[in-house]
PDB file of N, CA and C in Angstrom:
ATOM      1  N   UNK A   1     180.863 -52.922 115.174  1.00  0.00           N
ATOM      2  CA  UNK A   1     179.337 -52.752 114.535  1.00  0.00           C
ATOM      3  C   UNK A   1     178.452 -52.831 115.660  1.00  0.00           C
ATOM      4  N   UNK A   2     177.238 -52.440 115.941  1.00  0.00           N
ATOM      5  CA  UNK A   2     176.698 -52.607 116.818  1.00  0.00           C
ATOM      6  C   UNK A   2     175.956 -53.979 116.894  1.00  0.00           C
ATOM      7  N   UNK A   3     175.915 -54.389 118.044  1.00  0.00           N
ATOM      8  CA  UNK A   3     175.146 -56.096 118.218  1.00  0.00           C
ATOM      9  C   UNK A   3     173.933 -56.156 117.341  1.00  0.00           C
ATOM     10  N   UNK A   4     173.051 -55.103 117.358  1.00  0.00           N
ATOM     11  CA  UNK A   4     171.849 -55.202 116.652  1.00  0.00           C
ATOM     12  C   UNK A   4     172.058 -55.425 115.236  1.00  0.00           C
ATOM     13  N   UNK A   5     172.568 -54.260 114.676  1.00  0.00           N
ATOM     14  CA  UNK A   5     173.175 -54.481 113.015  1.00  0.00           C
ATOM     15  C   UNK A   5     174.187 -55.716 112.708  1.00  0.00           C
ATOM     16  N   UNK A   6     175.173 -56.072 113.427  1.00  0.00           N
ATOM     17  CA  UNK A   6     175.364 -57.708 113.250  1.00  0.00           C
ATOM     18  C   UNK A   6     174.310 -58.591 113.226  1.00  0.00           C
ATOM     19  N   UNK A   7     173.564 -58.756 113.965  1.00  0.00           N
ATOM     20  CA  UNK A   7     172.374 -59.556 114.391  1.00  0.00           C
ATOM     21  C   UNK A   7     171.521 -59.545 112.681  1.00  0.00           C
ATOM     22  N   UNK A   8     171.430 -58.414 112.629  1.00  0.00           N
ATOM     23  CA  UNK A   8     170.667 -58.317 111.183  1.00  0.00           C
ATOM     24  C   UNK A   8     171.273 -58.665 109.901  1.00  0.00           C
ATOM     25  N   UNK A   9     172.594 -58.050 109.846  1.00  0.00           N
ATOM     26  CA  UNK A   9     173.151 -58.741 108.896  1.00  0.00           C
ATOM     27  C   UNK A   9     173.534 -60.192 108.792  1.00  0.00           C
ATOM     28  N   UNK A  10     173.442 -60.860 109.841  1.00  0.00           N
ATOM     29  CA  UNK A  10     173.788 -62.623 109.910  1.00  0.00           C
ATOM     30  C   UNK A  10     172.388 -63.263 109.705  1.00  0.00           C
ATOM     31  N   UNK A  11     171.718 -62.473 109.622  1.00  0.00           N
ATOM     32  CA  UNK A  11     170.147 -63.288 109.653  1.00  0.00           C
ATOM     33  C   UNK A  11     169.949 -63.452 107.975  1.00  0.00           C
ATOM     34  N   UNK A  12     169.299 -64.238 107.770  1.00  0.00           N
ATOM     35  CA  UNK A  12     169.092 -64.387 106.102  1.00  0.00           C
ATOM     36  C   UNK A  12     168.006 -63.479 105.634  1.00  0.00           C
ATOM     37  N   UNK A  13     168.040 -62.886 104.576  1.00  0.00           N
ATOM     38  CA  UNK A  13     167.029 -62.126 103.870  1.00  0.00           C
ATOM     39  C   UNK A  13     165.791 -63.171 103.808  1.00  0.00           C
ATOM     40  N   UNK A  14     164.251 -62.593 104.189  1.00  0.00           N
ATOM     41  CA  UNK A  14     163.061 -62.982 103.986  1.00  0.00           C
ATOM     42  C   UNK A  14     162.932 -63.282 103.048  1.00  0.00           C
ATOM     43  N   UNK A  15     162.462 -64.839 102.665  1.00  0.00           N
ATOM     44  CA  UNK A  15     162.115 -65.480 101.150  1.00  0.00           C
ATOM     45  C   UNK A  15     161.033 -65.184 101.002  1.00  0.00           C
ATOM     46  N   UNK A  16     160.735 -63.922  99.692  1.00  0.00           N
ATOM     47  CA  UNK A  16     159.702 -63.113  99.531  1.00  0.00           C
ATOM     48  C   UNK A  16     158.380 -64.521  99.186  1.00  0.00           C
ATOM     49  N   UNK A  17     158.709 -65.115  98.407  1.00  0.00           N
ATOM     50  CA  UNK A  17     157.753 -66.122  98.009  1.00  0.00           C
ATOM     51  C   UNK A  17     157.298 -67.104  99.133  1.00  0.00           C
ATOM     52  N   UNK A  18     157.824 -67.241 100.513  1.00  0.00           N
ATOM     53  CA  UNK A  18     157.402 -68.290 101.011  1.00  0.00           C
ATOM     54  C   UNK A  18     156.276 -67.417 102.254  1.00  0.00           C
ATOM     55  N   UNK A  19     154.975 -67.748 102.339  1.00  0.00           N
ATOM     56  CA  UNK A  19     154.070 -67.167 103.029  1.00  0.00           C
ATOM     57  C   UNK A  19     154.569 -66.664 104.482  1.00  0.00           C
ATOM     58  N   UNK A  20     154.356 -65.888 104.830  1.00  0.00           N
ATOM     59  CA  UNK A  20     154.982 -65.097 106.000  1.00  0.00           C
ATOM     60  C   UNK A  20     154.543 -66.104 107.407  1.00  0.00           C
ATOM     61  N   UNK A  21     153.240 -66.510 107.582  1.00  0.00           N
ATOM     62  CA  UNK A  21     153.456 -67.458 108.671  1.00  0.00           C
ATOM     63  C   UNK A  21     153.946 -68.636 108.648  1.00  0.00           C
ATOM     64  N   UNK A  22     154.228 -69.172 107.639  1.00  0.00           N
ATOM     65  CA  UNK A  22     155.430 -70.295 107.516  1.00  0.00           C
ATOM     66  C   UNK A  22     156.647 -69.950 107.832  1.00  0.00           C
ATOM     67  N   UNK A  23     156.955 -68.825 107.297  1.00  0.00           N
ATOM     68  CA  UNK A  23     158.414 -68.394 107.519  1.00  0.00           C
ATOM     69  C   UNK A  23     158.869 -67.873 109.363  1.00  0.00           C
ATOM     70  N   UNK A  24     157.663 -67.553 109.468  1.00  0.00           N
ATOM     71  CA  UNK A  24     157.464 -67.719 110.992  1.00  0.00           C
ATOM     72  C   UNK A  24     157.825 -68.695 112.176  1.00  0.00           C
ATOM     73  N   UNK A  25     157.540 -70.094 111.457  1.00  0.00           N
ATOM     74  CA  UNK A  25     157.752 -70.962 112.023  1.00  0.00           C
ATOM     75  C   UNK A  25     159.128 -71.570 111.964  1.00  0.00           C
ATOM     76  N   UNK A  26     160.100 -71.553 113.014  1.00  0.00           N
ATOM     77  CA  UNK A  26     161.880 -72.224 112.698  1.00  0.00           C
ATOM     78  C   UNK A  26     161.724 -73.501 112.166  1.00  0.00           C
ATOM     79  N   UNK A  27     160.618 -74.257 112.077  1.00  0.00           N
ATOM     80  CA  UNK A  27     160.455 -75.612 111.726  1.00  0.00           C
ATOM     81  C   UNK A  27     160.289 -75.749 110.099  1.00  0.00           C
ATOM     82  N   UNK A  28     159.977 -74.695 109.495  1.00  0.00           N
ATOM     83  CA  UNK A  28     159.299 -74.985 108.536  1.00  0.00           C
ATOM     84  C   UNK A  28     160.505 -74.193 107.417  1.00  0.00           C
ATOM     85  N   UNK A  29     160.586 -74.966 105.994  1.00  0.00           N
ATOM     86  CA  UNK A  29     161.703 -74.629 105.261  1.00  0.00           C
ATOM     87  C   UNK A  29     161.076 -75.256 103.841  1.00  0.00           C
ATOM     88  N   UNK A  30     160.173 -74.401 103.267  1.00  0.00           N
ATOM     89  CA  UNK A  30     159.574 -74.606 102.135  1.00  0.00           C
ATOM     90  C   UNK A  30     159.023 -76.151 101.897  1.00  0.00           C
ATOM     91  N   UNK A  31     158.236 -76.424 103.251  1.00  0.00           N
ATOM     92  CA  UNK A  31     157.603 -77.630 103.128  1.00  0.00           C
ATOM     93  C   UNK A  31     158.525 -78.892 102.994  1.00  0.00           C
ATOM     94  N   UNK A  32     159.596 -79.063 103.082  1.00  0.00           N
ATOM     95  CA  UNK A  32     160.930 -79.937 103.150  1.00  0.00           C
ATOM     96  C   UNK A  32     160.385 -80.555 104.181  1.00  0.00           C
ATOM     97  N   UNK A  33     160.055 -80.334 105.497  1.00  0.00           N
ATOM     98  CA  UNK A  33     159.636 -81.167 106.669  1.00  0.00           C
ATOM     99  C   UNK A  33     158.676 -81.840 106.586  1.00  0.00           C
ATOM    100  N   UNK A  34     157.461 -81.799 105.831  1.00  0.00           N
ATOM    101  CA  UNK A  34     156.444 -82.690 105.508  1.00  0.00           C
ATOM    102  C   UNK A  34     156.142 -83.644 104.447  1.00  0.00           C
ATOM    103  N   UNK A  35     157.677 -83.816 103.929  1.00  0.00           N
ATOM    104  CA  UNK A  35     157.989 -85.005 102.601  1.00  0.00           C
ATOM    105  C   UNK A  35     158.744 -86.009 103.232  1.00  0.00           C
ATOM    106  N   UNK A  36     157.918 -87.264 103.764  1.00  0.00           N
ATOM    107  CA  UNK A  36     158.284 -88.246 104.123  1.00  0.00           C
ATOM    108  C   UNK A  36     159.497 -89.114 103.277  1.00  0.00           C
ATOM    109  N   UNK A  37     159.036 -89.008 102.266  1.00  0.00           N
ATOM    110  CA  UNK A  37     159.904 -90.386 101.144  1.00  0.00           C
ATOM    111  C   UNK A  37     161.036 -89.601 101.022  1.00  0.00           C
ATOM    112  N   UNK A  38     162.312 -89.992 101.500  1.00  0.00           N
ATOM    113  CA  UNK A  38     163.454 -89.864 101.264  1.00  0.00           C
ATOM    114  C   UNK A  38     164.252 -89.322 100.289  1.00  0.00           C
ATOM    115  N   UNK A  39     163.721 -90.261  98.762  1.00  0.00           N
ATOM    116  CA  UNK A  39     164.031 -89.968  97.709  1.00  0.00           C
ATOM    117  C   UNK A  39     163.485 -88.638  97.108  1.00  0.00           C
ATOM    118  N   UNK A  40     162.030 -88.279  97.149  1.00  0.00           N
ATOM    119  CA  UNK A  40     161.554 -87.167  97.091  1.00  0.00           C
ATOM    120  C   UNK A  40     162.197 -85.745  97.964  1.00  0.00           C
ATOM    121  N   UNK A  41     161.973 -86.463  99.486  1.00  0.00           N
ATOM    122  CA  UNK A  41     163.375 -85.355 100.241  1.00  0.00           C
ATOM    123  C   UNK A  41     164.005 -84.848  99.334  1.00  0.00           C
ATOM    124  N   UNK A  42     165.464 -85.697  99.027  1.00  0.00           N
ATOM    125  CA  UNK A  42     166.381 -85.622  98.575  1.00  0.00           C
ATOM    126  C   UNK A  42     166.377 -85.135  97.125  1.00  0.00           C
ATOM    127  N   UNK A  43     165.430 -85.124  96.597  1.00  0.00           N
ATOM    128  CA  UNK A  43     164.969 -84.637  94.859  1.00  0.00           C
ATOM    129  C   UNK A  43     164.530 -83.056  95.411  1.00  0.00           C
ATOM    130  N   UNK A  44     163.880 -82.984  96.187  1.00  0.00           N
ATOM    131  CA  UNK A  44     163.316 -81.511  96.210  1.00  0.00           C
ATOM    132  C   UNK A  44     164.058 -80.165  97.034  1.00  0.00           C
ATOM    133  N   UNK A  45     165.238 -81.004  97.633  1.00  0.00           N
ATOM    134  CA  UNK A  45     166.271 -80.502  98.381  1.00  0.00           C
ATOM    135  C   UNK A  45     167.214 -80.155  97.781  1.00  0.00           C
ATOM    136  N   UNK A  46     167.401 -80.787  96.680  1.00  0.00           N
ATOM    137  CA  UNK A  46     168.335 -80.521  95.995  1.00  0.00           C
ATOM    138  C   UNK A  46     168.169 -79.517  94.654  1.00  0.00           C
ATOM    139  N   UNK A  47     167.042 -79.762  94.274  1.00  0.00           N
ATOM    140  CA  UNK A  47     166.375 -78.519  93.635  1.00  0.00           C
ATOM    141  C   UNK A  47     166.558 -77.325  94.184  1.00  0.00           C
ATOM    142  N   UNK A  48     166.149 -76.901  95.758  1.00  0.00           N
ATOM    143  CA  UNK A  48     166.196 -75.808  96.142  1.00  0.00           C
ATOM    144  C   UNK A  48     167.555 -75.422  96.168  1.00  0.00           C
ATOM    145  N   UNK A  49     168.603 -76.266  96.690  1.00  0.00           N
ATOM    146  CA  UNK A  49     169.956 -76.048  96.320  1.00  0.00           C
ATOM    147  C   UNK A  49     170.345 -75.408  95.190  1.00  0.00           C
ATOM    148  N   UNK A  50     170.387 -76.146  93.926  1.00  0.00           N
ATOM    149  CA  UNK A  50     170.450 -75.284  92.726  1.00  0.00           C
ATOM    150  C   UNK A  50     169.864 -74.097  92.481  1.00  0.00           C
ATOM    151  N   UNK A  51     168.463 -73.793  93.096  1.00  0.00           N
ATOM    152  CA  UNK A  51     167.885 -72.674  93.057  1.00  0.00           C
ATOM    153  C   UNK A  51     168.325 -71.636  93.646  1.00  0.00           C
ATOM    154  N   UNK A  52     169.195 -72.063  94.958  1.00  0.00           N
ATOM    155  CA  UNK A  52     169.412 -70.895  95.858  1.00  0.00           C
ATOM    156  C   UNK A  52     171.147 -70.427  95.299  1.00  0.00           C
ATOM    157  N   UNK A  53     171.548 -71.154  94.722  1.00  0.00           N
ATOM    158  CA  UNK A  53     172.982 -71.093  94.309  1.00  0.00           C
ATOM    159  C   UNK A  53     172.728 -70.367  93.206  1.00  0.00           C
ATOM    160  N   UNK A  54     171.704 -70.356  92.045  1.00  0.00           N
ATOM    161  CA  UNK A  54     171.658 -69.604  90.882  1.00  0.00           C
ATOM    162  C   UNK A  54     171.375 -68.334  91.776  1.00  0.00           C
ATOM    163  N   UNK A  55     170.463 -68.206  92.856  1.00  0.00           N
ATOM    164  CA  UNK A  55     170.250 -67.056  92.952  1.00  0.00           C
ATOM    165  C   UNK A  55     171.049 -65.982  93.763  1.00  0.00           C
ATOM    166  N   UNK A  56     171.939 -66.951  94.580  1.00  0.00           N
ATOM    167  CA  UNK A  56     173.263 -66.492  94.727  1.00  0.00           C
ATOM    168  C   UNK A  56     174.437 -66.133  94.058  1.00  0.00           C
ATOM    169  N   UNK A  57     174.492 -66.580  92.721  1.00  0.00           N
ATOM    170  CA  UNK A  57     175.103 -66.032  91.819  1.00  0.00           C
ATOM    171  C   UNK A  57     174.709 -64.741  91.052  1.00  0.00           C
ATOM    172  N   UNK A  58     173.480 -64.508  90.792  1.00  0.00           N
ATOM    173  CA  UNK A  58     172.859 -63.219  90.265  1.00  0.00           C
ATOM    174  C   UNK A  58     173.046 -62.589  91.160  1.00  0.00           C
ATOM    175  N   UNK A  59     172.733 -62.505  92.478  1.00  0.00           N
ATOM    176  CA  UNK A  59     172.763 -61.520  93.807  1.00  0.00           C
ATOM    177  C   UNK A  59     174.424 -60.833  93.623  1.00  0.00           C
ATOM    178  N   UNK A  60     175.528 -61.836  93.561  1.00  0.00           N
ATOM    179  CA  UNK A  60     176.692 -61.609  93.388  1.00  0.00           C
ATOM    180  C   UNK A  60     176.646 -60.467  92.276  1.00  0.00           C
ATOM    181  N   UNK A  61     176.623 -60.946  91.105  1.00  0.00           N
ATOM    182  CA  UNK A  61     176.249 -59.895  89.983  1.00  0.00           C
ATOM    183  C   UNK A  61     175.777 -58.575  90.020  1.00  0.00           C
ATOM    184  N   UNK A  62     174.524 -58.494  90.910  1.00  0.00           N
ATOM    185  CA  UNK A  62     174.480 -57.305  90.831  1.00  0.00           C
ATOM    186  C   UNK A  62     174.480 -56.340  91.904  1.00  0.00           C
ATOM    187  N   UNK A  63     175.317 -57.130  92.865  1.00  0.00           N
ATOM    188  CA  UNK A  63     176.164 -56.167  94.059  1.00  0.00           C
ATOM    189  C   UNK A  63     177.487 -55.857  93.284  1.00  0.00           C
ATOM    190  N   UNK A  64     178.066 -56.711  91.967  1.00  0.00           N
ATOM    191  CA  UNK A  64     178.949 -55.857  91.445  1.00  0.00           C
ATOM    192  C   UNK A  64     178.731 -54.917  90.336  1.00  0.00           C
ATOM    193  N   UNK A  65     177.703 -55.116  89.782  1.00  0.00           N
ATOM    194  CA  UNK A  65     177.248 -54.118  88.980  1.00  0.00           C
ATOM    195  C   UNK A  65     176.577 -52.811  90.010  1.00  0.00           C
ATOM    196  N   UNK A  66     176.363 -52.726  91.138  1.00  0.00           N
ATOM    197  CA  UNK A  66     175.814 -51.804  91.706  1.00  0.00           C
ATOM    198  C   UNK A  66     177.357 -51.143  92.311  1.00  0.00           C
ATOM    199  N   UNK A  67     178.185 -51.781  92.635  1.00  0.00           N
ATOM    200  CA  UNK A  67     179.547 -51.619  93.063  1.00  0.00           C
ATOM    201  C   UNK A  67     180.035 -50.552  92.136  1.00  0.00           C
ATOM    202  N   UNK A  68     180.356 -51.298  91.014  1.00  0.00           N
ATOM    203  CA  UNK A  68     180.847 -50.577  89.110  1.00  0.00           C
ATOM    204  C   UNK A  68     179.928 -48.836  88.973  1.00  0.00           C
ATOM    205  N   UNK A  69     178.924 -49.155  89.602  1.00  0.00           N
ATOM    206  CA  UNK A  69     177.965 -47.767  88.928  1.00  0.00           C
ATOM    207  C   UNK A  69     178.512 -46.900  90.371  1.00  0.00           C
ATOM    208  N   UNK A  70     178.612 -47.163  91.758  1.00  0.00           N
ATOM    209  CA  UNK A  70     179.037 -46.180  92.577  1.00  0.00           C
ATOM    210  C   UNK A  70     180.132 -45.563  92.719  1.00  0.00           C
ATOM    211  N   UNK A  71     181.154 -46.339  91.956  1.00  0.00           N
ATOM    212  CA  UNK A  71     182.514 -46.203  91.738  1.00  0.00           C
ATOM    213  C   UNK A  71     182.876 -45.334  90.653  1.00  0.00           C
ATOM    214  N   UNK A  72     182.127 -45.297  89.726  1.00  0.00           N
ATOM    215  CA  UNK A  72     181.795 -44.848  88.075  1.00  0.00           C
ATOM    216  C   UNK A  72     182.555 -43.249  88.559  1.00  0.00           C
ATOM    217  N   UNK A  73     183.994 -43.082  87.800  1.00  0.00           N
ATOM    218  CA  UNK A  73     184.522 -41.766  88.238  1.00  0.00           C
ATOM    219  C   UNK A  73     183.530 -40.799  87.258  1.00  0.00           C
ATOM    220  N   UNK A  74     182.350 -41.136  86.517  1.00  0.00           N
ATOM    221  CA  UNK A  74     181.689 -39.795  86.034  1.00  0.00           C
ATOM    222  C   UNK A  74     180.656 -39.617  86.757  1.00  0.00           C
ATOM    223  N   UNK A  75     180.580 -40.128  88.267  1.00  0.00           N
ATOM    224  CA  UNK A  75     179.192 -39.763  88.975  1.00  0.00           C
ATOM    225  C   UNK A  75     180.034 -38.595  89.893  1.00  0.00           C
ATOM    226  N   UNK A  76     179.299 -37.564  89.938  1.00  0.00           N
ATOM    227  CA  UNK A  76     179.960 -36.781  90.892  1.00  0.00           C
ATOM    228  C   UNK A  76     179.824 -37.048  92.240  1.00  0.00           C
ATOM    229  N   UNK A  77     179.268 -38.183  92.406  1.00  0.00           N
ATOM    230  CA  UNK A  77     178.898 -38.238  93.819  1.00  0.00           C
ATOM    231  C   UNK A  77     179.736 -40.028  94.192  1.00  0.00           C
ATOM    232  N   UNK A  78     180.503 -39.961  93.442  1.00  0.00           N
ATOM    233  CA  UNK A  78     180.971 -41.581  93.186  1.00  0.00           C
ATOM    234  C   UNK A  78     181.501 -41.997  94.700  1.00  0.00           C
ATOM    235  N   UNK A  79     181.750 -43.196  95.119  1.00  0.00           N
ATOM    236  CA  UNK A  79     182.165 -43.634  96.027  1.00  0.00           C
ATOM    237  C   UNK A  79     183.758 -44.434  96.127  1.00  0.00           C
ATOM    238  N   UNK A  80     184.187 -44.077  96.851  1.00  0.00           N
ATOM    239  CA  UNK A  80     185.760 -44.809  97.045  1.00  0.00           C
ATOM    240  C   UNK A  80     185.557 -46.078  97.355  1.00  0.00           C
ATOM    241  N   UNK A  81     186.407 -47.293  96.484  1.00  0.00           N
ATOM    242  CA  UNK A  81     186.355 -48.634  97.166  1.00  0.00           C
ATOM    243  C   UNK A  81     186.484 -49.146  98.520  1.00  0.00           C
ATOM    244  N   UNK A  82     187.012 -48.085  99.608  1.00  0.00           N
ATOM    245  CA  UNK A  82     186.435 -48.397 101.030  1.00  0.00           C
ATOM    246  C   UNK A  82     185.734 -47.746 101.614  1.00  0.00           C
ATOM    247  N   UNK A  83     184.724 -46.761 100.736  1.00  0.00           N
ATOM    248  CA  UNK A  83     183.648 -46.980 101.094  1.00  0.00           C
ATOM    249  C   UNK A  83     182.910 -47.970 100.681  1.00  0.00           C
ATOM    250  N   UNK A  84     182.907 -48.174  99.543  1.00  0.00           N
ATOM    251  CA  UNK A  84     181.749 -49.277  99.298  1.00  0.00           C
ATOM    252  C   UNK A  84     181.944 -50.503  99.983  1.00  0.00           C
ATOM    253  N   UNK A  85     183.114 -50.882 100.254  1.00  0.00           N
ATOM    254  CA  UNK A  85     183.718 -51.910 101.110  1.00  0.00           C
ATOM    255  C   UNK A  85     182.905 -52.122 102.448  1.00  0.00           C
ATOM    256  N   UNK A  86     182.951 -50.797 102.997  1.00  0.00           N
ATOM    257  CA  UNK A  86     182.238 -50.775 104.363  1.00  0.00           C
ATOM    258  C   UNK A  86     181.027 -51.034 104.323  1.00  0.00           C
ATOM    259  N   UNK A  87     180.452 -49.997 103.211  1.00  0.00           N
ATOM    260  CA  UNK A  87     178.530 -50.225 103.164  1.00  0.00           C
ATOM    261  C   UNK A  87     178.295 -51.642 102.971  1.00  0.00           C
ATOM    262  N   UNK A  88     179.214 -52.408 102.306  1.00  0.00           N
ATOM    263  CA  UNK A  88     178.530 -53.850 101.934  1.00  0.00           C
ATOM    264  C   UNK A  88     179.416 -54.900 103.002  1.00  0.00           C
ATOM    265  N   UNK A  89     180.090 -54.604 104.000  1.00  0.00           N
ATOM    266  CA  UNK A  89     180.448 -55.225 104.774  1.00  0.00           C
ATOM    267  C   UNK A  89     181.629 -56.203 104.346  1.00  0.00           C
ATOM    268  N   UNK A  90     182.699 -55.527 102.926  1.00  0.00           N
ATOM    269  CA  UNK A  90     183.459 -56.155 102.277  1.00  0.00           C
ATOM    270  C   UNK A  90     184.848 -56.130 102.996  1.00  0.00           C
ATOM    271  N   UNK A  91     185.993 -56.423 102.459  1.00  0.00           N
ATOM    272  CA  UNK A  91     187.301 -56.027 102.549  1.00  0.00           C
ATOM    273  C   UNK A  91     187.499 -55.046 101.358  1.00  0.00           C
ATOM    274  N   UNK A  92     188.111 -53.925 101.540  1.00  0.00           N
ATOM    275  CA  UNK A  92     188.537 -52.968 100.568  1.00  0.00           C
ATOM    276  C   UNK A  92     189.045 -53.511  99.078  1.00  0.00           C
ATOM    277  N   UNK A  93     189.949 -55.003  99.420  1.00  0.00           N
ATOM    278  CA  UNK A  93     190.601 -55.493  98.016  1.00  0.00           C
ATOM    279  C   UNK A  93     189.307 -56.025  97.582  1.00  0.00           C
ATOM    280  N   UNK A  94     188.176 -57.017  98.089  1.00  0.00           N
ATOM    281  CA  UNK A  94     187.092 -57.550  97.484  1.00  0.00           C
ATOM    282  C   UNK A  94     186.006 -56.346  96.658  1.00  0.00           C
ATOM    283  N   UNK A  95     186.250 -55.442  97.452  1.00  0.00           N
ATOM    284  CA  UNK A  95     185.722 -54.118  96.766  1.00  0.00           C
ATOM    285  C   UNK A  95     186.286 -54.351  95.427  1.00  0.00           C
ATOM    286  N   UNK A  96     187.644 -53.863  95.780  1.00  0.00           N
ATOM    287  CA  UNK A  96     188.126 -53.458  94.246  1.00  0.00           C
ATOM    288  C   UNK A  96     187.700 -54.715  93.106  1.00  0.00           C
ATOM    289  N   UNK A  97     187.623 -55.953  93.535  1.00  0.00           N
ATOM    290  CA  UNK A  97     187.872 -56.868  92.518  1.00  0.00           C
ATOM    291  C   UNK A  97     186.191 -57.061  92.150  1.00  0.00           C
ATOM    292  N   UNK A  98     185.327 -56.408  93.211  1.00  0.00           N
ATOM    293  CA  UNK A  98     183.807 -56.812  92.515  1.00  0.00           C
ATOM    294  C   UNK A  98     183.280 -55.639  91.935  1.00  0.00           C
ATOM    295  N   UNK A  99     184.486 -54.295  91.682  1.00  0.00           N
ATOM    296  CA  UNK A  99     184.109 -53.351  91.159  1.00  0.00           C
ATOM    297  C   UNK A  99     184.713 -53.611  89.717  1.00  0.00           C
ATOM    298  N   UNK A 100     185.680 -54.431  89.554  1.00  0.00           N
ATOM    299  CA  UNK A 100     186.303 -54.535  88.263  1.00  0.00           C
ATOM    300  C   UNK A 100     185.397 -55.889  88.036  1.00  0.00           C
ATOM    301  N   UNK A 101     184.572 -56.413  88.298  1.00  0.00           N
ATOM    302  CA  UNK A 101     183.713 -57.631  87.880  1.00  0.00           C
ATOM    303  C   UNK A 101     182.558 -56.827  87.307  1.00  0.00           C
ATOM    304  N   UNK A 102     181.908 -55.840  88.029  1.00  0.00           N
ATOM    305  CA  UNK A 102     180.924 -55.084  87.524  1.00  0.00           C
ATOM    306  C   UNK A 102     181.170 -54.152  86.535  1.00  0.00           C
ATOM    307  N   UNK A 103     182.435 -53.955  86.133  1.00  0.00           N
ATOM    308  CA  UNK A 103     182.599 -53.110  85.012  1.00  0.00           C
ATOM    309  C   UNK A 103     182.448 -54.163  83.727  1.00  0.00           C
ATOM    310  N   UNK A 104     183.074 -55.042  83.815  1.00  0.00           N
ATOM    311  CA  UNK A 104     183.246 -56.064  83.083  1.00  0.00           C
ATOM    312  C   UNK A 104     181.377 -56.398  82.710  1.00  0.00           C
ATOM    313  N   UNK A 105     180.687 -56.682  83.892  1.00  0.00           N
ATOM    314  CA  UNK A 105     179.382 -56.886  83.495  1.00  0.00           C
ATOM    315  C   UNK A 105     178.761 -55.746  82.403  1.00  0.00           C
ATOM    316  N   UNK A 106     178.872 -54.603  83.281  1.00  0.00           N
ATOM    317  CA  UNK A 106     178.608 -53.536  82.544  1.00  0.00           C
ATOM    318  C   UNK A 106     178.807 -53.385  81.038  1.00  0.00           C
ATOM    319  N   UNK A 107     179.820 -53.903  80.452  1.00  0.00           N
ATOM    320  CA  UNK A 107     180.472 -53.728  79.065  1.00  0.00           C
ATOM    321  C   UNK A 107     180.154 -55.085  78.331  1.00  0.00           C
ATOM    322  N   UNK A 108     179.283 -56.091  79.095  1.00  0.00           N
ATOM    323  CA  UNK A 108     178.404 -56.849  78.437  1.00  0.00           C
ATOM    324  C   UNK A 108     179.685 -58.387  78.356  1.00  0.00           C
ATOM    325  N   UNK A 109     180.453 -58.404  79.346  1.00  0.00           N
ATOM    326  CA  UNK A 109     181.183 -59.646  79.329  1.00  0.00           C
ATOM    327  C   UNK A 109     181.134 -60.454  80.453  1.00  0.00           C
ATOM    328  N   UNK A 110     181.745 -61.614  79.945  1.00  0.00           N
ATOM    329  CA  UNK A 110     181.881 -62.716  80.786  1.00  0.00           C
ATOM    330  C   UNK A 110     180.580 -63.245  81.458  1.00  0.00           C
ATOM    331  N   UNK A 111     180.943 -64.078  82.228  1.00  0.00           N
ATOM    332  CA  UNK A 111     180.209 -64.584  83.601  1.00  0.00           C
ATOM    333  C   UNK A 111     180.850 -64.549  84.828  1.00  0.00           C
ATOM    334  N   UNK A 112     180.130 -65.053  85.438  1.00  0.00           N
ATOM    335  CA  UNK A 112     180.455 -65.082  87.074  1.00  0.00           C
ATOM    336  C   UNK A 112     182.010 -65.530  87.152  1.00  0.00           C
ATOM    337  N   UNK A 113     182.870 -64.447  87.514  1.00  0.00           N
ATOM    338  CA  UNK A 113     184.048 -65.017  88.052  1.00  0.00           C
ATOM    339  C   UNK A 113     184.249 -64.435  89.359  1.00  0.00           C
ATOM    340  N   UNK A 114     183.446 -64.667  90.477  1.00  0.00           N
ATOM    341  CA  UNK A 114     183.644 -64.023  91.820  1.00  0.00           C
ATOM    342  C   UNK A 114     184.499 -64.643  92.653  1.00  0.00           C
TER     343      UNK A 114
END
């Protein structure tokens, strides 16, 4: 993988709900740096942590659904688990598990089990 592509993958996605000028400041993170009271800081940081965990779980579910759709044998342009793994920077075994997870989600089964 080229260094520029690796750097792009390692950089977190831009948080769209944070103003661009604030996101450009490396010291800024959802105004946490402006909270002086440690109790308030802990409470707000905990809220953000829980929100990011929930967002992470939802994003994984969407990845799984997309992987299952891409691997669907009814698609004329379906992709193999290896091709999906390569495009998502996963191992092939993980891609197979994500495809199965996504198939379950598409059938309306279960909760996150990644």
